[in-house]
């Protein structure tokens, strides 16, 4: 029974994000799902997620999630169970069965798949095949962030895993969460040519929740001096960067006049977080796990220190804040590529992981706080991707509803025609 069969006014959207490491994919899907739920009051959005922490971000009415057993990426295309001790094959089988049953029961009119077209281990293929066999087959959309990995790495992986054939066979449309003028995702990853008609560059997906202005937030935080906000996304691999930042603050000393807020993320190990708190003693530095109003905290800063993840950098650009960026060294080339592109445009300052030291970080802190010539304004940075993606999904839902209404009307009159 579909959503429309259960309630003639209901529409169902399902999203999938594997979330093997970090919170980036989950944040994008949550942002888009939230916009859909608010713009289409009768809609239900069910997210399939693998994030170890579950749905970290606040969900509005109409949005819920099913958590898949968590996995972790060890190398390109190599995934292992993160917590369960049931072995690789049983973990695969459990994820596949959970996805397939959720798809069967929820019966979505639109499926939005993030980042991995066939799912890790090809786990989406049984569900994609099942959906394509339906007489009222849903619209299936692939959502890709602007930069995936080094182009040759992604192309090789997609060839090996049959991804291009899956896109050809199952996907109706491809959302690119970026701008072609900055990074031509289609051309880099072999999605131009025959796939070009399916491509839709929607802009960068950023949270559009309201946030407090700088003076209001600084007053709430009781900040009196120059403020550093150090953020590490989900935090699973943010400790080395944050450790060097904390050592740099200790090197500068309490008399430097600097204050700092470290937002470690929920995925950082507790022992690492406690070590940062020990080092913070005697400094005007706070170590937090997670904050609901992340944008407000960033907006209060004089300098934001962050990794080069998708969400972190586009939040930075949306707020037009000074940023010192330390890209992840691997296993993917994504963050290195994004950091380089942004630095070339004068949008951020970058320090490479191999250059990290307390002395270097301390120098970068002081230089960044004094600089007045960045970030430059970049007109091609469009942060309305969540709105555009949601509007396009709403169009697909309207088409699905009209088709379904016609199908049920025809069925009631004894007709056997099938509508799409």
Protein backbone atom coordinates (compact mmCIF):
# COMPACT_ATOMS: atom_id res chain seq x y z
CA UNK A 1 0.00 0.00 0.00
CA UNK A 2 1.48 3.37 -1.00
CA UNK A 3 1.23 6.68 0.85
CA UNK A 4 -1.41 7.82 -1.60
CA UNK A 5 -3.44 4.65 -1.10
CA UNK A 6 -3.30 5.15 2.65
CA UNK A 7 -4.20 8.83 2.45
CA UNK A 8 -5.26 10.44 -0.80
CA UNK A 9 -3.36 13.63 0.03
CA UNK A 10 -0.09 12.08 1.23
CA UNK A 11 3.18 12.05 -0.66
CA UNK A 12 6.24 10.00 0.29
CA UNK A 13 9.89 10.77 -0.31
CA UNK A 14 12.72 8.46 0.68
CA UNK A 15 16.39 9.41 0.91
CA UNK A 16 19.48 7.21 1.22
CA UNK A 17 22.87 8.22 2.58
CA UNK A 18 25.46 5.60 3.46
CA UNK A 19 27.25 7.87 5.98
CA UNK A 20 30.29 5.72 6.44
CA UNK A 21 32.37 8.55 7.91
CA UNK A 22 31.46 12.01 9.12
CA UNK A 23 28.19 13.89 8.92
CA UNK A 24 28.35 15.54 5.48
CA UNK A 25 25.95 13.28 3.61
CA UNK A 26 23.52 13.20 6.52
CA UNK A 27 23.53 16.99 6.83
CA UNK A 28 22.79 17.47 3.11
CA UNK A 29 19.94 14.97 3.13
CA UNK A 30 18.53 16.38 6.37
CA UNK A 31 18.63 19.89 4.98
CA UNK A 32 16.84 18.92 1.77
CA UNK A 33 14.34 16.68 3.62
CA UNK A 34 13.50 19.52 5.99
CA UNK A 35 12.84 21.94 3.14
CA UNK A 36 10.61 19.37 1.39
CA UNK A 37 8.63 18.73 4.58
CA UNK A 38 8.05 22.43 5.14
CA UNK A 39 7.17 23.25 1.53
CA UNK A 40 4.82 20.26 1.10
CA UNK A 41 2.83 20.09 4.37
CA UNK A 42 1.28 16.66 3.64
CA UNK A 43 4.58 15.01 2.73
CA UNK A 44 6.49 12.35 4.66
CA UNK A 45 10.25 12.01 4.21
CA UNK A 46 11.92 8.82 5.42
CA UNK A 47 15.70 8.90 5.55
CA UNK A 48 17.79 5.72 5.39
CA UNK A 49 21.06 6.57 7.15
CA UNK A 50 24.18 4.81 8.35
CA UNK A 51 25.61 7.53 10.58
CA UNK A 52 26.87 5.98 13.85
CA UNK A 53 25.17 8.73 15.87
CA UNK A 54 21.80 8.41 14.15
CA UNK A 55 19.99 11.56 13.04
CA UNK A 56 22.19 14.14 14.77
CA UNK A 57 20.41 17.18 13.36
CA UNK A 58 16.99 18.41 14.38
CA UNK A 59 14.18 16.94 12.27
CA UNK A 60 10.92 18.78 11.57
CA UNK A 61 7.48 17.16 11.64
CA UNK A 62 7.14 14.94 8.58
CA UNK A 63 10.74 13.69 8.61
CA UNK A 64 11.98 10.51 10.29
CA UNK A 65 14.78 7.99 9.78
CA UNK A 66 15.78 4.35 9.82
CA UNK A 67 19.35 3.68 10.88
CA UNK A 68 21.32 1.04 9.01
CA UNK A 69 24.18 -0.84 10.70
CA UNK A 70 27.18 1.47 10.57
CA UNK A 71 30.20 0.85 8.38
CA UNK A 72 33.52 2.62 7.92
CA UNK A 73 35.52 3.29 4.76
CA UNK A 74 39.05 1.87 4.91
CA UNK A 75 40.05 2.59 1.33
CA UNK A 76 38.48 3.43 -2.03
CA UNK A 77 35.49 1.11 -2.35
CA UNK A 78 36.50 -0.83 0.78
CA UNK A 79 34.02 -0.83 3.68
CA UNK A 80 34.00 -2.72 6.98
CA UNK A 81 31.48 -3.03 9.84
CA UNK A 82 32.07 -0.28 12.38
CA UNK A 83 30.53 -1.71 15.55
CA UNK A 84 28.75 -5.02 15.05
CA UNK A 85 30.83 -8.20 15.43
CA UNK A 86 28.76 -10.20 12.98
CA UNK A 87 31.17 -10.24 10.04
CA UNK A 88 31.14 -8.60 6.65
CA UNK A 89 28.64 -10.82 4.84
CA UNK A 90 26.01 -10.68 7.57
CA UNK A 91 26.40 -6.88 7.80
CA UNK A 92 25.86 -6.63 4.05
CA UNK A 93 22.79 -8.90 4.18
CA UNK A 94 21.28 -6.95 7.07
CA UNK A 95 21.67 -3.60 5.35
CA UNK A 96 20.27 -4.92 2.04
CA UNK A 97 17.24 -6.50 3.74
CA UNK A 98 16.51 -3.40 5.82
CA UNK A 99 16.65 -1.13 2.79
CA UNK A 100 14.51 -3.40 0.63
CA UNK A 101 11.78 -3.89 3.25
CA UNK A 102 11.66 -0.16 4.03
CA UNK A 103 11.29 0.63 0.32
CA UNK A 104 8.58 -2.01 -0.11
CA UNK A 105 6.48 -0.82 2.80
CA UNK A 106 7.02 2.95 2.49
CA UNK A 107 6.39 2.88 -1.28
CA UNK A 108 7.96 6.26 -2.13
CA UNK A 109 6.96 8.40 -5.08
CA UNK A 110 10.49 9.89 -5.12
CA UNK A 111 13.79 8.31 -4.04
CA UNK A 112 16.81 10.57 -3.57
CA UNK A 113 20.13 8.68 -3.35
CA UNK A 114 23.16 10.54 -2.04
CA UNK A 115 26.69 10.07 -3.35
CA UNK A 116 26.81 6.29 -3.97
CA UNK A 117 24.55 5.40 -6.94
CA UNK A 118 24.41 1.65 -6.27
CA UNK A 119 24.96 1.93 -2.52
CA UNK A 120 28.01 0.51 -0.81
CA UNK A 121 28.53 -3.13 -1.83
CA UNK A 122 25.78 -2.56 -4.43
CA UNK A 123 23.26 -2.75 -1.59
CA UNK A 124 20.74 -0.52 -3.37
CA UNK A 125 20.49 -2.62 -6.52
CA UNK A 126 17.75 -5.03 -5.30
CA UNK A 127 15.60 -2.07 -4.25
CA UNK A 128 16.26 -0.14 -7.46
CA UNK A 129 15.26 -3.19 -9.49
CA UNK A 130 12.11 -3.64 -7.41
CA UNK A 131 11.11 0.00 -7.82
CA UNK A 132 11.63 -0.07 -11.58
CA UNK A 133 9.28 -3.07 -11.84
CA UNK A 134 6.44 -1.17 -10.21
CA UNK A 135 3.59 -0.06 -12.47
CA UNK A 136 3.74 3.28 -10.63
CA UNK A 137 7.55 3.46 -10.60
CA UNK A 138 8.87 6.44 -8.61
CA UNK A 139 11.19 9.14 -9.83
CA UNK A 140 14.73 8.16 -8.79
CA UNK A 141 17.23 10.99 -8.35
CA UNK A 142 20.97 10.80 -7.69
CA UNK A 143 22.43 13.62 -5.61
CA UNK A 144 26.19 14.26 -5.88
CA UNK A 145 28.31 16.78 -4.04
CA UNK A 146 30.52 18.91 -6.27
CA UNK A 147 33.78 17.00 -5.67
CA UNK A 148 33.80 13.24 -5.09
CA UNK A 149 37.47 12.20 -5.32
CA UNK A 150 40.24 12.44 -7.88
CA UNK A 151 38.43 12.02 -11.23
CA UNK A 152 40.51 9.02 -12.31
CA UNK A 153 39.78 7.26 -8.99
CA UNK A 154 36.02 7.78 -9.21
CA UNK A 155 35.84 6.82 -12.89
CA UNK A 156 37.78 3.62 -12.27
CA UNK A 157 35.61 2.69 -9.29
CA UNK A 158 32.39 3.40 -11.17
CA UNK A 159 33.51 1.32 -14.13
CA UNK A 160 34.46 -1.55 -11.85
CA UNK A 161 31.20 -1.46 -9.87
CA UNK A 162 28.90 -1.01 -12.87
CA UNK A 163 27.83 2.42 -11.66
CA UNK A 164 27.49 4.02 -15.09
CA UNK A 165 25.17 1.23 -16.19
CA UNK A 166 23.13 1.63 -13.01
CA UNK A 167 22.76 5.37 -13.62
CA UNK A 168 21.73 4.64 -17.19
CA UNK A 169 19.15 2.05 -16.15
CA UNK A 170 17.65 3.36 -12.92
CA UNK A 171 18.10 7.12 -12.55
CA UNK A 172 15.81 9.76 -13.99
CA UNK A 173 17.81 12.79 -12.90
CA UNK A 174 21.13 13.78 -11.31
CA UNK A 175 21.40 16.71 -8.91
CA UNK A 176 24.85 18.26 -8.67
CA UNK A 177 25.20 20.11 -5.38
CA UNK A 178 27.52 22.76 -6.77
CA UNK A 179 28.19 25.17 -9.62
CA UNK A 180 29.58 24.13 -12.98
CA UNK A 181 31.59 27.36 -13.21
CA UNK A 182 33.64 26.39 -10.15
CA UNK A 183 33.96 22.64 -10.66
CA UNK A 184 32.54 20.85 -13.69
CA UNK A 185 31.40 17.71 -11.91
CA UNK A 186 29.80 16.19 -14.99
CA UNK A 187 32.90 16.48 -17.14
CA UNK A 188 35.30 15.33 -14.42
CA UNK A 189 33.38 12.16 -13.57
CA UNK A 190 32.18 11.03 -17.00
CA UNK A 191 28.62 12.30 -16.63
CA UNK A 192 28.67 14.57 -19.66
CA UNK A 193 27.79 13.13 -23.05
CA UNK A 194 24.89 10.68 -22.79
CA UNK A 195 24.15 11.62 -19.17
CA UNK A 196 24.13 15.38 -19.79
CA UNK A 197 20.31 15.60 -20.21
CA UNK A 198 19.91 14.16 -16.69
CA UNK A 199 22.26 16.68 -15.04
CA UNK A 200 20.90 19.56 -13.00
CA UNK A 201 23.30 21.87 -11.12
CA UNK A 202 21.21 23.09 -8.19
CA UNK A 203 23.82 25.11 -6.28
CA UNK A 204 25.45 24.40 -2.92
CA UNK A 205 23.28 22.85 -0.23
CA UNK A 206 23.54 24.92 2.95
CA UNK A 207 21.39 25.20 6.01
CA UNK A 208 19.04 28.15 5.71
CA UNK A 209 17.95 28.14 9.31
CA UNK A 210 17.94 31.61 10.88
CA UNK A 211 21.05 32.50 12.84
CA UNK A 212 21.93 35.25 15.29
CA UNK A 213 23.92 38.27 14.27
CA UNK A 214 27.50 38.61 15.40
CA UNK A 215 27.00 41.04 18.29
CA UNK A 216 23.94 39.20 19.65
CA UNK A 217 25.73 35.85 19.67
CA UNK A 218 28.91 37.27 21.18
CA UNK A 219 26.83 38.82 23.94
CA UNK A 220 25.09 35.49 24.57
CA UNK A 221 28.46 33.70 24.69
CA UNK A 222 29.94 36.50 26.84
CA UNK A 223 32.85 36.96 24.45
CA UNK A 224 34.92 40.11 24.96
CA UNK A 225 38.03 39.50 22.84
CA UNK A 226 38.96 38.13 19.44
CA UNK A 227 37.19 34.79 19.01
CA UNK A 228 38.37 31.64 17.26
CA UNK A 229 35.77 28.99 16.47
CA UNK A 230 37.41 25.64 15.73
CA UNK A 231 35.03 23.13 14.17
CA UNK A 232 35.65 19.61 12.90
CA UNK A 233 32.39 18.52 11.29
CA UNK A 234 31.40 15.14 12.70
CA UNK A 235 34.73 15.01 14.49
CA UNK A 236 35.79 11.43 13.72
CA UNK A 237 39.18 12.59 12.42
CA UNK A 238 39.30 16.16 13.73
CA UNK A 239 41.44 15.50 16.81
CA UNK A 240 44.91 15.99 15.22
CA UNK A 241 43.88 19.38 13.83
CA UNK A 242 42.22 20.47 17.08
CA UNK A 243 45.16 19.27 19.15
CA UNK A 244 47.54 21.52 17.20
CA UNK A 245 45.10 24.42 17.57
CA UNK A 246 44.94 23.95 21.33
CA UNK A 247 48.74 23.70 21.58
CA UNK A 248 48.99 26.89 19.52
CA UNK A 249 46.72 28.69 21.99
CA UNK A 250 48.87 27.49 24.87
CA UNK A 251 51.95 28.74 23.02
CA UNK A 252 50.37 32.18 22.59
CA UNK A 253 49.35 32.16 26.24
CA UNK A 254 46.44 33.62 28.16
CA UNK A 255 47.77 37.16 27.59
CA UNK A 256 47.21 36.91 23.82
CA UNK A 257 43.66 38.15 24.32
CA UNK A 258 42.26 35.29 22.25
CA UNK A 259 39.19 33.30 23.17
CA UNK A 260 38.29 30.01 21.51
CA UNK A 261 35.34 27.68 21.16
CA UNK A 262 36.09 24.13 20.00
CA UNK A 263 33.10 22.22 18.58
CA UNK A 264 34.46 18.69 18.38
CA UNK A 265 31.47 16.96 16.77
CA UNK A 266 29.66 13.92 18.18
CA UNK A 267 31.89 11.37 16.46
CA UNK A 268 35.13 12.32 18.22
CA UNK A 269 36.25 9.74 20.77
CA UNK A 270 35.48 10.74 24.34
CA UNK A 271 39.08 10.32 25.46
CA UNK A 272 40.31 12.70 22.78
CA UNK A 273 37.74 15.30 23.76
CA UNK A 274 38.73 15.05 27.40
CA UNK A 275 42.38 15.51 26.45
CA UNK A 276 41.46 18.77 24.71
CA UNK A 277 39.59 19.90 27.83
CA UNK A 278 42.63 19.21 29.98
CA UNK A 279 44.80 21.31 27.66
CA UNK A 280 42.20 24.10 27.72
CA UNK A 281 42.61 24.64 31.47
CA UNK A 282 43.98 28.11 32.15
CA UNK A 283 42.97 29.36 28.71
CA UNK A 284 39.84 31.15 27.59
CA UNK A 285 38.85 28.10 25.60
CA UNK A 286 35.67 26.02 25.70
CA UNK A 287 35.35 22.50 24.34
CA UNK A 288 31.81 21.61 23.22
CA UNK A 289 30.51 18.43 21.62
CA UNK A 290 27.68 19.67 19.43
CA UNK A 291 25.63 22.85 19.21
CA UNK A 292 22.17 23.30 17.74
CA UNK A 293 22.93 26.81 16.47
CA UNK A 294 26.18 26.00 14.69
CA UNK A 295 25.80 28.90 12.23
CA UNK A 296 25.36 31.40 15.06
CA UNK A 297 28.56 30.20 16.71
CA UNK A 298 30.46 30.53 13.43
CA UNK A 299 28.97 33.96 12.85
CA UNK A 300 30.29 35.15 16.20
CA UNK A 301 33.87 34.29 15.23
CA UNK A 302 36.65 36.58 14.06
CA UNK A 303 38.32 33.54 12.50
CA UNK A 304 36.90 30.06 11.84
CA UNK A 305 39.32 27.13 11.78
CA UNK A 306 37.90 24.10 10.03
CA UNK A 307 38.57 21.13 7.80
CA UNK A 308 37.62 21.31 4.13
CA UNK A 309 34.41 19.29 4.22
CA UNK A 310 31.55 20.28 1.92
CA UNK A 311 29.19 21.61 4.58
CA UNK A 312 31.84 23.37 6.65
CA UNK A 313 33.22 25.39 3.76
CA UNK A 314 29.90 26.39 2.24
CA UNK A 315 28.59 27.46 5.64
CA UNK A 316 31.75 29.57 5.92
CA UNK A 317 31.10 31.17 2.53
CA UNK A 318 27.44 31.74 3.25
CA UNK A 319 28.45 33.70 6.36
CA UNK A 320 31.39 35.34 4.52
CA UNK A 321 33.71 34.67 7.44
CA UNK A 322 37.49 34.46 7.53
CA UNK A 323 38.51 30.84 7.38
CA UNK A 324 41.70 28.92 8.07
CA UNK A 325 41.24 25.53 6.41
CA UNK A 326 43.12 22.31 7.13
CA UNK A 327 42.00 19.73 4.52
CA UNK A 328 41.88 16.01 5.31
CA UNK A 329 44.88 14.24 3.78
CA UNK A 330 42.87 11.21 2.59
CA UNK A 331 41.73 8.60 1.73
CA UNK A 332 39.83 10.77 -0.76
CA UNK A 333 41.22 13.75 -2.67
CA UNK A 334 37.95 15.63 -2.10
CA UNK A 335 39.04 18.01 0.66
CA UNK A 336 42.44 18.71 -0.84
CA UNK A 337 40.79 19.65 -4.15
CA UNK A 338 38.13 21.86 -2.56
CA UNK A 339 40.65 23.66 -0.35
CA UNK A 340 42.88 24.37 -3.35
CA UNK A 341 39.99 25.73 -5.46
CA UNK A 342 38.81 28.00 -2.66
CA UNK A 343 42.30 29.27 -1.86
CA UNK A 344 42.93 30.09 -5.52
CA UNK A 345 39.84 32.32 -5.44
CA UNK A 346 40.93 34.14 -2.29
CA UNK A 347 38.05 32.70 -0.28
CA UNK A 348 40.06 31.00 2.48
CA UNK A 349 43.57 30.54 3.84
CA UNK A 350 44.90 26.96 3.79
CA UNK A 351 47.46 25.05 5.79
CA UNK A 352 48.29 21.50 4.73
CA UNK A 353 48.13 18.66 7.29
CA UNK A 354 51.85 17.96 6.86
CA UNK A 355 52.65 21.55 7.88
CA UNK A 356 50.79 21.41 11.19
CA UNK A 357 52.69 22.52 14.25
CA UNK A 358 51.79 24.71 17.24
CA UNK A 359 54.15 27.46 16.03
CA UNK A 360 52.72 27.42 12.49
CA UNK A 361 49.15 27.45 13.76
CA UNK A 362 49.85 30.31 16.16
CA UNK A 363 51.33 32.36 13.31
CA UNK A 364 48.33 31.60 11.10
CA UNK A 365 45.91 32.60 13.87
CA UNK A 366 47.49 36.01 14.31
CA UNK A 367 47.95 36.64 10.58
CA UNK A 368 44.36 35.65 9.85
CA UNK A 369 42.95 37.91 12.55
CA UNK A 370 44.90 40.86 11.19
CA UNK A 371 44.19 40.32 7.49
CA UNK A 372 41.52 42.48 5.85
CA UNK A 373 41.82 41.35 2.20
CA UNK A 374 39.85 38.09 2.42
CA UNK A 375 37.47 36.49 1.93
CA UNK A 376 36.86 37.92 -1.50
CA UNK A 377 33.29 38.01 -2.78
CA UNK A 378 32.56 35.17 -5.23
CA UNK A 379 29.37 35.73 -7.21
CA UNK A 380 29.25 32.15 -8.49
CA UNK A 381 28.92 30.74 -4.96
CA UNK A 382 25.21 29.95 -4.83
CA UNK A 383 24.06 28.50 -1.50
CA UNK A 384 20.39 27.94 -2.42
CA UNK A 385 20.87 24.30 -3.41
CA UNK A 386 18.50 22.91 -0.78
CA UNK A 387 15.67 25.14 -1.98
CA UNK A 388 16.23 24.32 -5.64
CA UNK A 389 16.53 20.59 -4.96
CA UNK A 390 13.35 20.63 -2.87
CA UNK A 391 11.46 22.56 -5.54
CA UNK A 392 12.48 20.05 -8.16
CA UNK A 393 11.47 17.12 -5.94
CA UNK A 394 8.14 18.87 -5.38
CA UNK A 395 7.63 18.99 -9.14
CA UNK A 396 8.24 15.24 -9.35
CA UNK A 397 5.81 14.66 -6.47
CA UNK A 398 3.11 16.72 -8.20
CA UNK A 399 3.53 14.65 -11.34
CA UNK A 400 3.41 11.43 -9.28
CA UNK A 401 0.25 12.54 -7.50
CA UNK A 402 -1.52 13.46 -10.74
CA UNK A 403 -0.55 10.14 -12.30
CA UNK A 404 -1.60 8.19 -9.24
CA UNK A 405 -4.94 9.98 -9.03
CA UNK A 406 -5.58 9.17 -12.68
CA UNK A 407 -4.56 5.55 -12.08
CA UNK A 408 -6.91 5.10 -9.13
CA UNK A 409 -9.72 6.84 -11.01
CA UNK A 410 -9.20 4.57 -13.99
CA UNK A 411 -9.01 1.51 -11.76
CA UNK A 412 -12.29 2.46 -10.13
CA UNK A 413 -13.92 2.56 -13.56
CA UNK A 414 -12.63 -0.88 -14.50
CA UNK A 415 -9.87 0.44 -16.74
CA UNK A 416 -6.54 -1.37 -16.92
CA UNK A 417 -4.38 1.49 -18.21
CA UNK A 418 -1.16 2.22 -16.29
CA UNK A 419 0.00 5.82 -15.86
CA UNK A 420 3.43 7.09 -14.92
